[in-house]
Every structure is written in C-alpha cells, then in structure tokens.
Amino acid sequence: MTDTRQTAPDAVPFFIDTHCHLDAAEFDADRDTVHAAALAAGVATMVVPAISRDNFAAVAATCERYAGCLPAWGLHPMFIDVHRPEHLADLRAQIEAQRPVAIGEIGLDLFVDLDYATQEHFYVEQLKLAQEYDLPVLLHCRRANDEILKQLRKIKVRGGIAHAFNGSPQQAEEFIKLGFKLGFGGAFTWPRANNLRRLAVDLPLEAIVLETDSPDIPPVWVGRGRNAPGELPRIAQTLADLRQASLADVAQATTRNARELFGLA
C-alpha cells in the first residue's frame, strides 16, 4: 500500500512570516486576495503585530477572519504621540482577553526625532509585561540596538525577534546570547545592502527567522511598491542563494526557529 502521508517531491515548502501587518489600510482593497496568495505560496502562518491600542481591534479581527494569522499585542515606539499611560493597562487587558504569540511591536527608534524618555518608558514597561506573561517580544530597534540590549540585560524575557535587524556582527551575537532570533526580510535582497548580506551568510541559520513587515520594507523585485506576505518564499530563496543552500533547508530551519520561539505545535 502506498503511504499517501509522504510529502511529494514538488511540495510547496512551509514558511512562517514572523512580522506582517496584514491589518494595515494598504490591504483594505484586496486583503482576501493577498492572504490567499500567501497561503498558495506556502506561507501558512503570519504573525500580525499591533502598533497601538487603537488597532488592537483591527489585528484581532484580521486574526479571527484569516487562517494562519496570529496576533502580537504591543505599543510601537513610533506612535508615542498617541500612546497614553493608561494604554499599558489596556495592553494588559488585551493579553488577558486573547493570549498572543508575542508582545510586539515594541522597542526604540533613534532614526526619527521622538522623545527618547517616553519611548524608553513604554519599552521598559512592555518588557515587564512580557516577563510577567512569559512571552517573547518583537523588537523594533532602528538605530537603537545597544539601547535595546541594555534593557534586555536588565529585564530578562523569553527571547524574541530583533525585527528588521541591521546591526553589527557583535550586536547580533549579543542578541543571540539573550535567546533572540534575528529577522530578515526584504532589505537584504537589495544588492547594495552589503552589511545585511554578509550577516545573512555569516550568521548561524539557527538564529534567523524570515519576515516581510508587509506592507513595508519591499524586496528589490517589488521596488517602491507594496510588500506582501506572499513575497516570503522568494525572500527565502534569496537567503538560500546567498548561503549556497537549498530552499528546502532554509524553509525548514527558519520555520523550526519560529515555531520554537512562538511555542507553536
């Protein structure tokens, strides 16, 4: 008798998009189509991070409607103008109401002119929540890796992802020591992204997870257009090409890394 459970040689690899804002307004016109295209491409799981208290409902609705979408709850550092102290209590209530796979998107951003003390306050308080609920964190760390790491050494959390990582090899090593994975997406597909491309080759594959940050950070073949979770397999193929590895090996390793991080069966 033939064992029909075996995977066919040409089966589509399984991918996890560890950072995808499928709830964003950029997808309002064709979200069903975008989601279906991602599933058809083998992106069976998409983590959808919140950015503020005001979009908790949109993230929840997206994850309820679309198969494979899992929520992360957090207050993004670039939106400190809309965050209020009481929103931390709202975040706690949201965690209690619907346990997420992570706390995020949280962190620090030193690229834009935003009050650092306020950013740091919300970052630290959310790390404490992640520690209390034993959840990993999705870190926004644009030009702020050392500042992010400083707080992670003080407030021990169950690992997480340095989203859109673009730091030094030494900073990468420090994140890895603390139990973090490094998120790679469209940015390293650009030929002039020399630092990122070196990291993509030199870092242990066990430390890498894949992401799109849809609709942002489009890969080179999308150009200035809208990014989407269905681009993830081609991003993975770029990583495989750079590492001179097979797509199947990259898909298997990065999916395993994400599953272990988020505690997915």
C-alpha atoms as a PDB file:
ATOM      1  CA  MET A   1       0.000   0.000   0.000  1.00  0.00           C
ATOM      2  CA  THR A   2       1.309   3.446  -0.891  1.00  0.00           C
ATOM      3  CA  ASP A   3       1.922   5.780   2.065  1.00  0.00           C
ATOM      4  CA  THR A   4      -0.029   8.854   0.987  1.00  0.00           C
ATOM      5  CA  ARG A   5       1.241  10.787   4.006  1.00  0.00           C
ATOM      6  CA  GLN A   6       4.642  11.275   2.446  1.00  0.00           C
ATOM      7  CA  THR A   7       5.403  14.731   1.101  1.00  0.00           C
ATOM      8  CA  ALA A   8       5.578  14.919  -2.673  1.00  0.00           C
ATOM      9  CA  PRO A   9       8.955  15.957  -4.111  1.00  0.00           C
ATOM     10  CA  ASP A  10       7.492  19.150  -5.554  1.00  0.00           C
ATOM     11  CA  ALA A  11       5.501  20.103  -2.455  1.00  0.00           C
ATOM     12  CA  VAL A  12       5.468  23.805  -1.590  1.00  0.00           C
ATOM     13  CA  PRO A  13       7.782  24.493   1.406  1.00  0.00           C
ATOM     14  CA  PHE A  14       6.155  25.737   4.591  1.00  0.00           C
ATOM     15  CA  PHE A  15       7.001  29.278   5.722  1.00  0.00           C
ATOM     16  CA  ILE A  16       6.207  31.499   8.710  1.00  0.00           C
ATOM     17  CA  ASP A  17       6.071  35.257   8.189  1.00  0.00           C
ATOM     18  CA  THR A  18       7.116  36.372  11.657  1.00  0.00           C
ATOM     19  CA  HIS A  19       6.145  40.032  11.107  1.00  0.00           C
ATOM     20  CA  CYS A  20       3.287  41.031   8.826  1.00  0.00           C
ATOM     21  CA  HIS A  21       0.868  43.958   9.254  1.00  0.00           C
ATOM     22  CA  LEU A  22      -1.952  42.365   7.286  1.00  0.00           C
ATOM     23  CA  ASP A  23      -4.424  44.597   9.141  1.00  0.00           C
ATOM     24  CA  ALA A  24      -2.900  47.744   7.591  1.00  0.00           C
ATOM     25  CA  ALA A  25      -5.060  50.073   5.500  1.00  0.00           C
ATOM     26  CA  GLU A  26      -2.878  49.356   2.457  1.00  0.00           C
ATOM     27  CA  PHE A  27      -4.585  45.954   2.251  1.00  0.00           C
ATOM     28  CA  ASP A  28      -8.172  47.139   2.668  1.00  0.00           C
ATOM     29  CA  ALA A  29      -8.972  46.857  -1.054  1.00  0.00           C
ATOM     30  CA  ASP A  30      -7.687  43.299  -1.584  1.00  0.00           C
ATOM     31  CA  ARG A  31      -6.858  41.680   1.771  1.00  0.00           C
ATOM     32  CA  ASP A  32      -8.656  38.439   0.828  1.00  0.00           C
ATOM     33  CA  THR A  33      -6.579  38.121  -2.329  1.00  0.00           C
ATOM     34  CA  VAL A  34      -3.319  38.948  -0.547  1.00  0.00           C
ATOM     35  CA  HIS A  35      -3.992  36.363   2.129  1.00  0.00           C
ATOM     36  CA  ALA A  36      -4.971  33.698  -0.404  1.00  0.00           C
ATOM     37  CA  ALA A  37      -1.799  34.371  -2.404  1.00  0.00           C
ATOM     38  CA  ALA A  38       0.308  33.944   0.729  1.00  0.00           C
ATOM     39  CA  LEU A  39      -1.299  30.608   1.538  1.00  0.00           C
ATOM     40  CA  ALA A  40      -0.856  29.433  -2.046  1.00  0.00           C
ATOM     41  CA  ALA A  41       2.836  30.329  -1.830  1.00  0.00           C
ATOM     42  CA  GLY A  42       3.277  28.214   1.286  1.00  0.00           C
ATOM     43  CA  VAL A  43       3.134  30.996   3.872  1.00  0.00           C
ATOM     44  CA  ALA A  44       0.790  29.157   6.185  1.00  0.00           C
ATOM     45  CA  THR A  45       1.416  31.233   9.315  1.00  0.00           C
ATOM     46  CA  MET A  46       1.574  35.039   9.620  1.00  0.00           C
ATOM     47  CA  VAL A  47       2.234  36.885  12.881  1.00  0.00           C
ATOM     48  CA  VAL A  48       0.349  40.184  12.926  1.00  0.00           C
ATOM     49  CA  PRO A  49       1.771  42.702  15.440  1.00  0.00           C
ATOM     50  CA  ALA A  50      -0.242  45.575  16.853  1.00  0.00           C
ATOM     51  CA  ILE A  51       1.178  49.093  16.901  1.00  0.00           C
ATOM     52  CA  SER A  52      -1.189  50.957  19.237  1.00  0.00           C
ATOM     53  CA  ARG A  53      -4.199  50.488  21.483  1.00  0.00           C
ATOM     54  CA  ASP A  54      -6.372  51.830  18.680  1.00  0.00           C
ATOM     55  CA  ASN A  55      -5.542  48.980  16.299  1.00  0.00           C
ATOM     56  CA  PHE A  56      -5.959  46.083  18.732  1.00  0.00           C
ATOM     57  CA  ALA A  57      -9.452  45.544  17.295  1.00  0.00           C
ATOM     58  CA  ALA A  58      -8.212  45.517  13.694  1.00  0.00           C
ATOM     59  CA  VAL A  59      -5.490  42.989  14.499  1.00  0.00           C
ATOM     60  CA  ALA A  60      -7.968  40.825  16.399  1.00  0.00           C
ATOM     61  CA  ALA A  61     -10.465  40.929  13.517  1.00  0.00           C
ATOM     62  CA  THR A  62      -7.766  40.072  10.985  1.00  0.00           C
ATOM     63  CA  CYS A  63      -6.555  37.096  13.004  1.00  0.00           C
ATOM     64  CA  GLU A  64     -10.108  35.873  13.552  1.00  0.00           C
ATOM     65  CA  ARG A  65     -11.011  36.058   9.868  1.00  0.00           C
ATOM     66  CA  TYR A  66      -7.859  34.786   8.186  1.00  0.00           C
ATOM     67  CA  ALA A  67      -6.466  31.295   8.660  1.00  0.00           C
ATOM     68  CA  GLY A  68      -2.922  31.133   9.952  1.00  0.00           C
ATOM     69  CA  CYS A  69      -2.838  34.702  11.297  1.00  0.00           C
ATOM     70  CA  LEU A  70      -1.706  35.008  14.913  1.00  0.00           C
ATOM     71  CA  PRO A  71      -1.728  38.226  16.977  1.00  0.00           C
ATOM     72  CA  ALA A  72       1.015  40.020  18.877  1.00  0.00           C
ATOM     73  CA  TRP A  73      -0.014  42.886  21.152  1.00  0.00           C
ATOM     74  CA  GLY A  74       2.153  45.931  21.689  1.00  0.00           C
ATOM     75  CA  LEU A  75       2.658  49.695  21.569  1.00  0.00           C
ATOM     76  CA  HIS A  76       5.062  50.724  18.787  1.00  0.00           C
ATOM     77  CA  PRO A  77       7.738  53.338  19.644  1.00  0.00           C
ATOM     78  CA  MET A  78       6.985  55.441  16.560  1.00  0.00           C
ATOM     79  CA  PHE A  79       3.456  56.110  17.867  1.00  0.00           C
ATOM     80  CA  ILE A  80       4.327  57.580  21.262  1.00  0.00           C
ATOM     81  CA  ASP A  81       2.303  60.660  20.361  1.00  0.00           C
ATOM     82  CA  VAL A  82      -0.857  58.574  20.548  1.00  0.00           C
ATOM     83  CA  HIS A  83       0.110  56.284  23.436  1.00  0.00           C
ATOM     84  CA  ARG A  84      -1.143  57.210  26.882  1.00  0.00           C
ATOM     85  CA  PRO A  85      -0.107  55.799  30.278  1.00  0.00           C
ATOM     86  CA  GLU A  86      -3.473  54.057  30.621  1.00  0.00           C
ATOM     87  CA  HIS A  87      -2.844  52.196  27.359  1.00  0.00           C
ATOM     88  CA  LEU A  88      -0.456  49.937  29.246  1.00  0.00           C
ATOM     89  CA  ALA A  89      -3.424  48.761  31.318  1.00  0.00           C
ATOM     90  CA  ASP A  90      -5.374  48.272  28.081  1.00  0.00           C
ATOM     91  CA  LEU A  91      -2.483  46.196  26.748  1.00  0.00           C
ATOM     92  CA  ARG A  92      -2.575  44.001  29.832  1.00  0.00           C
ATOM     93  CA  ALA A  93      -6.329  43.549  29.406  1.00  0.00           C
ATOM     94  CA  GLN A  94      -5.835  42.586  25.762  1.00  0.00           C
ATOM     95  CA  ILE A  95      -3.224  39.989  26.721  1.00  0.00           C
ATOM     96  CA  GLU A  96      -5.647  38.564  29.261  1.00  0.00           C
ATOM     97  CA  ALA A  97      -8.511  38.533  26.769  1.00  0.00           C
ATOM     98  CA  GLN A  98      -6.574  36.925  23.909  1.00  0.00           C
ATOM     99  CA  ARG A  99      -3.162  35.495  24.660  1.00  0.00           C
ATOM    100  CA  PRO A 100      -0.792  36.485  21.852  1.00  0.00           C
ATOM    101  CA  VAL A 101       2.221  34.641  20.495  1.00  0.00           C
ATOM    102  CA  ALA A 102       4.390  37.637  21.461  1.00  0.00           C
ATOM    103  CA  ILE A 103       4.450  41.165  22.835  1.00  0.00           C
ATOM    104  CA  GLY A 104       5.070  43.484  19.928  1.00  0.00           C
ATOM    105  CA  GLU A 105       5.752  45.555  18.141  1.00  0.00           C
ATOM    106  CA  ILE A 106       7.755  47.285  20.854  1.00  0.00           C
ATOM    107  CA  GLY A 107      11.181  48.871  21.172  1.00  0.00           C
ATOM    108  CA  LEU A 108      13.083  52.052  20.379  1.00  0.00           C
ATOM    109  CA  ASP A 109      13.634  54.174  17.281  1.00  0.00           C
ATOM    110  CA  LEU A 110      16.550  56.607  17.119  1.00  0.00           C
ATOM    111  CA  PHE A 111      16.172  57.269  13.407  1.00  0.00           C
ATOM    112  CA  VAL A 112      13.227  59.631  13.871  1.00  0.00           C
ATOM    113  CA  ASP A 113      13.002  62.615  16.210  1.00  0.00           C
ATOM    114  CA  LEU A 114      10.864  61.246  19.035  1.00  0.00           C
ATOM    115  CA  ASP A 115      11.220  61.817  22.758  1.00  0.00           C
ATOM    116  CA  TYR A 116      13.616  59.136  23.963  1.00  0.00           C
ATOM    117  CA  ALA A 117      12.474  59.083  27.581  1.00  0.00           C
ATOM    118  CA  THR A 118       8.889  58.382  26.537  1.00  0.00           C
ATOM    119  CA  GLN A 119       9.964  55.681  24.122  1.00  0.00           C
ATOM    120  CA  GLU A 120      12.082  54.057  26.796  1.00  0.00           C
ATOM    121  CA  HIS A 121       9.263  54.170  29.357  1.00  0.00           C
ATOM    122  CA  PHE A 122       6.833  52.292  27.125  1.00  0.00           C
ATOM    123  CA  TYR A 123       9.560  49.864  26.029  1.00  0.00           C
ATOM    124  CA  VAL A 124      10.578  49.002  29.594  1.00  0.00           C
ATOM    125  CA  GLU A 125       7.009  48.616  30.831  1.00  0.00           C
ATOM    126  CA  GLN A 126       6.191  46.278  27.956  1.00  0.00           C
ATOM    127  CA  LEU A 127       9.294  44.197  28.631  1.00  0.00           C
ATOM    128  CA  LYS A 128       7.984  43.787  32.175  1.00  0.00           C
ATOM    129  CA  LEU A 129       4.658  42.569  30.802  1.00  0.00           C
ATOM    130  CA  ALA A 130       6.452  40.093  28.526  1.00  0.00           C
ATOM    131  CA  GLN A 131       8.413  38.837  31.516  1.00  0.00           C
ATOM    132  CA  GLU A 132       5.271  38.535  33.641  1.00  0.00           C
ATOM    133  CA  TYR A 133       3.323  36.607  30.997  1.00  0.00           C
ATOM    134  CA  ASP A 134       6.364  34.609  29.815  1.00  0.00           C
ATOM    135  CA  LEU A 135       6.049  35.779  26.223  1.00  0.00           C
ATOM    136  CA  PRO A 136       8.693  36.556  23.603  1.00  0.00           C
ATOM    137  CA  VAL A 137       8.955  40.081  22.207  1.00  0.00           C
ATOM    138  CA  LEU A 138       9.031  41.525  18.687  1.00  0.00           C
ATOM    139  CA  LEU A 139      11.567  44.333  18.793  1.00  0.00           C
ATOM    140  CA  HIS A 140      11.637  47.475  16.693  1.00  0.00           C
ATOM    141  CA  CYS A 141      15.274  48.535  17.063  1.00  0.00           C
ATOM    142  CA  ARG A 142      16.065  51.026  14.305  1.00  0.00           C
ATOM    143  CA  ARG A 143      19.487  52.524  15.073  1.00  0.00           C
ATOM    144  CA  ALA A 144      18.958  51.541  18.704  1.00  0.00           C
ATOM    145  CA  ASN A 145      20.467  48.076  19.124  1.00  0.00           C
ATOM    146  CA  ASP A 146      22.746  48.966  22.035  1.00  0.00           C
ATOM    147  CA  GLU A 147      19.951  50.793  23.880  1.00  0.00           C
ATOM    148  CA  ILE A 148      17.596  47.863  23.266  1.00  0.00           C
ATOM    149  CA  LEU A 149      20.180  45.371  24.524  1.00  0.00           C
ATOM    150  CA  LYS A 150      20.852  47.426  27.642  1.00  0.00           C
ATOM    151  CA  GLN A 151      17.272  46.945  28.837  1.00  0.00           C
ATOM    152  CA  LEU A 152      17.137  43.294  27.779  1.00  0.00           C
ATOM    153  CA  ARG A 153      20.071  42.571  30.077  1.00  0.00           C
ATOM    154  CA  LYS A 154      18.145  44.151  32.966  1.00  0.00           C
ATOM    155  CA  ILE A 155      14.717  42.679  32.236  1.00  0.00           C
ATOM    156  CA  LYS A 156      15.026  39.031  31.263  1.00  0.00           C
ATOM    157  CA  VAL A 157      12.379  37.899  28.799  1.00  0.00           C
ATOM    158  CA  ARG A 158      11.783  34.660  26.950  1.00  0.00           C
ATOM    159  CA  GLY A 159      13.700  35.729  23.873  1.00  0.00           C
ATOM    160  CA  GLY A 160      12.061  37.138  20.798  1.00  0.00           C
ATOM    161  CA  ILE A 161      12.989  38.642  17.449  1.00  0.00           C
ATOM    162  CA  ALA A 162      15.151  41.640  16.615  1.00  0.00           C
ATOM    163  CA  HIS A 163      12.856  42.710  13.785  1.00  0.00           C
ATOM    164  CA  ALA A 164      14.474  44.063  10.600  1.00  0.00           C
ATOM    165  CA  PHE A 165      17.890  43.564  12.136  1.00  0.00           C
ATOM    166  CA  ASN A 166      20.585  45.806  10.697  1.00  0.00           C
ATOM    167  CA  GLY A 167      23.311  45.904  13.299  1.00  0.00           C
ATOM    168  CA  SER A 168      26.875  44.726  13.630  1.00  0.00           C
ATOM    169  CA  PRO A 169      28.023  41.106  13.979  1.00  0.00           C
ATOM    170  CA  GLN A 170      28.860  41.888  17.605  1.00  0.00           C
ATOM    171  CA  GLN A 171      25.352  43.183  18.294  1.00  0.00           C
ATOM    172  CA  ALA A 172      23.891  40.138  16.546  1.00  0.00           C
ATOM    173  CA  GLU A 173      25.941  37.920  18.839  1.00  0.00           C
ATOM    174  CA  GLU A 174      24.625  39.745  21.906  1.00  0.00           C
ATOM    175  CA  PHE A 175      21.006  39.264  20.803  1.00  0.00           C
ATOM    176  CA  ILE A 176      21.665  35.575  20.173  1.00  0.00           C
ATOM    177  CA  LYS A 177      23.216  35.172  23.636  1.00  0.00           C
ATOM    178  CA  LEU A 178      19.986  36.539  25.119  1.00  0.00           C
ATOM    179  CA  GLY A 179      17.905  33.953  23.254  1.00  0.00           C
ATOM    180  CA  PHE A 180      16.811  36.151  20.349  1.00  0.00           C
ATOM    181  CA  LYS A 181      16.391  35.410  16.661  1.00  0.00           C
ATOM    182  CA  LEU A 182      17.216  37.976  14.003  1.00  0.00           C
ATOM    183  CA  GLY A 183      14.521  38.922  11.489  1.00  0.00           C
ATOM    184  CA  PHE A 184      15.496  39.070   7.814  1.00  0.00           C
ATOM    185  CA  GLY A 185      13.176  40.363   5.118  1.00  0.00           C
ATOM    186  CA  GLY A 186      13.151  42.466   2.000  1.00  0.00           C
ATOM    187  CA  ALA A 187      16.026  44.765   2.983  1.00  0.00           C
ATOM    188  CA  PHE A 188      18.802  42.216   2.461  1.00  0.00           C
ATOM    189  CA  THR A 189      17.583  41.356  -1.066  1.00  0.00           C
ATOM    190  CA  TRP A 190      18.914  44.687  -2.366  1.00  0.00           C
ATOM    191  CA  PRO A 191      22.391  44.217  -3.906  1.00  0.00           C
ATOM    192  CA  ARG A 192      23.835  47.263  -2.136  1.00  0.00           C
ATOM    193  CA  ALA A 193      22.791  46.043   1.324  1.00  0.00           C
ATOM    194  CA  ASN A 194      26.314  44.788   1.908  1.00  0.00           C
ATOM    195  CA  ASN A 195      26.191  44.599   5.706  1.00  0.00           C
ATOM    196  CA  LEU A 196      22.915  42.716   5.740  1.00  0.00           C
ATOM    197  CA  ARG A 197      24.012  40.328   3.020  1.00  0.00           C
ATOM    198  CA  ARG A 198      27.201  39.497   4.914  1.00  0.00           C
ATOM    199  CA  LEU A 199      25.168  38.849   8.053  1.00  0.00           C
ATOM    200  CA  ALA A 200      22.745  36.671   6.084  1.00  0.00           C
ATOM    201  CA  VAL A 201      25.674  34.489   5.074  1.00  0.00           C
ATOM    202  CA  ASP A 202      27.735  34.525   8.269  1.00  0.00           C
ATOM    203  CA  LEU A 203      25.095  34.159  10.995  1.00  0.00           C
ATOM    204  CA  PRO A 204      24.115  30.650  12.056  1.00  0.00           C
ATOM    205  CA  LEU A 205      20.906  29.633  10.322  1.00  0.00           C
ATOM    206  CA  GLU A 206      19.551  28.660  13.738  1.00  0.00           C
ATOM    207  CA  ALA A 207      19.494  32.388  14.600  1.00  0.00           C
ATOM    208  CA  ILE A 208      17.487  33.570  11.582  1.00  0.00           C
ATOM    209  CA  VAL A 209      13.755  33.922  11.040  1.00  0.00           C
ATOM    210  CA  LEU A 210      12.003  35.327   7.980  1.00  0.00           C
ATOM    211  CA  GLU A 211       9.616  38.260   7.814  1.00  0.00           C
ATOM    212  CA  THR A 212       8.112  40.692   5.333  1.00  0.00           C
ATOM    213  CA  ASP A 213       6.951  43.618   7.507  1.00  0.00           C
ATOM    214  CA  SER A 214       4.192  43.938   4.905  1.00  0.00           C
ATOM    215  CA  PRO A 215       3.241  46.387   3.524  1.00  0.00           C
ATOM    216  CA  ASP A 216       6.660  47.920   4.284  1.00  0.00           C
ATOM    217  CA  ILE A 217      10.322  47.034   3.516  1.00  0.00           C
ATOM    218  CA  PRO A 218       9.668  45.691  -0.002  1.00  0.00           C
ATOM    219  CA  PRO A 219      12.255  43.381  -1.595  1.00  0.00           C
ATOM    220  CA  VAL A 220      14.223  44.502  -4.638  1.00  0.00           C
ATOM    221  CA  TRP A 221      11.836  42.942  -7.170  1.00  0.00           C
ATOM    222  CA  VAL A 222       8.900  44.889  -5.701  1.00  0.00           C
ATOM    223  CA  GLY A 223      10.869  48.132  -5.743  1.00  0.00           C
ATOM    224  CA  ARG A 224       8.890  51.003  -4.264  1.00  0.00           C
ATOM    225  CA  GLY A 225       5.648  49.025  -4.367  1.00  0.00           C
ATOM    226  CA  ARG A 226       3.634  47.412  -1.610  1.00  0.00           C
ATOM    227  CA  ASN A 227       5.166  44.418   0.100  1.00  0.00           C
ATOM    228  CA  ALA A 228       3.004  41.368   0.864  1.00  0.00           C
ATOM    229  CA  PRO A 229       3.402  38.099   2.795  1.00  0.00           C
ATOM    230  CA  GLY A 230       3.330  36.123  -0.451  1.00  0.00           C
ATOM    231  CA  GLU A 231       6.810  37.508  -1.204  1.00  0.00           C
ATOM    232  CA  LEU A 232       8.323  35.497   1.646  1.00  0.00           C
ATOM    233  CA  PRO A 233       9.296  32.381  -0.381  1.00  0.00           C
ATOM    234  CA  ARG A 234      11.270  34.497  -2.829  1.00  0.00           C
ATOM    235  CA  ILE A 235      12.948  36.259   0.108  1.00  0.00           C
ATOM    236  CA  ALA A 236      13.818  32.804   1.430  1.00  0.00           C
ATOM    237  CA  GLN A 237      15.205  31.839  -1.974  1.00  0.00           C
ATOM    238  CA  THR A 238      17.477  34.901  -1.882  1.00  0.00           C
ATOM    239  CA  LEU A 239      18.749  33.791   1.517  1.00  0.00           C
ATOM    240  CA  ALA A 240      19.319  30.279   0.191  1.00  0.00           C
ATOM    241  CA  ASP A 241      21.220  31.609  -2.819  1.00  0.00           C
ATOM    242  CA  LEU A 242      23.474  33.786  -0.675  1.00  0.00           C
ATOM    243  CA  ARG A 243      24.229  30.907   1.669  1.00  0.00           C
ATOM    244  CA  GLN A 244      24.582  28.419  -1.208  1.00  0.00           C
ATOM    245  CA  ALA A 245      21.933  26.292   0.455  1.00  0.00           C
ATOM    246  CA  SER A 246      18.727  24.718  -0.751  1.00  0.00           C
ATOM    247  CA  LEU A 247      15.409  26.497  -0.401  1.00  0.00           C
ATOM    248  CA  ALA A 248      14.060  23.442   1.404  1.00  0.00           C
ATOM    249  CA  ASP A 249      16.798  23.649   4.033  1.00  0.00           C
ATOM    250  CA  VAL A 250      16.252  27.372   4.591  1.00  0.00           C
ATOM    251  CA  ALA A 251      12.476  26.913   4.808  1.00  0.00           C
ATOM    252  CA  GLN A 252      12.802  24.034   7.242  1.00  0.00           C
ATOM    253  CA  ALA A 253      15.316  25.782   9.511  1.00  0.00           C
ATOM    254  CA  THR A 254      13.635  29.190   9.648  1.00  0.00           C
ATOM    255  CA  THR A 255      10.217  27.630  10.196  1.00  0.00           C
ATOM    256  CA  ARG A 256      11.592  25.472  13.001  1.00  0.00           C
ATOM    257  CA  ASN A 257      13.214  28.536  14.575  1.00  0.00           C
ATOM    258  CA  ALA A 258       9.920  30.450  14.509  1.00  0.00           C
ATOM    259  CA  ARG A 259       7.902  27.509  15.815  1.00  0.00           C
ATOM    260  CA  GLU A 260      10.223  27.063  18.766  1.00  0.00           C
ATOM    261  CA  LEU A 261      10.253  30.778  19.531  1.00  0.00           C
ATOM    262  CA  PHE A 262       6.475  31.194  19.484  1.00  0.00           C
ATOM    263  CA  GLY A 263       5.734  27.820  21.056  1.00  0.00           C
ATOM    264  CA  LEU A 264       3.775  26.593  18.048  1.00  0.00           C
ATOM    265  CA  ALA A 265       3.000  22.898  17.677  1.00  0.00           C
END
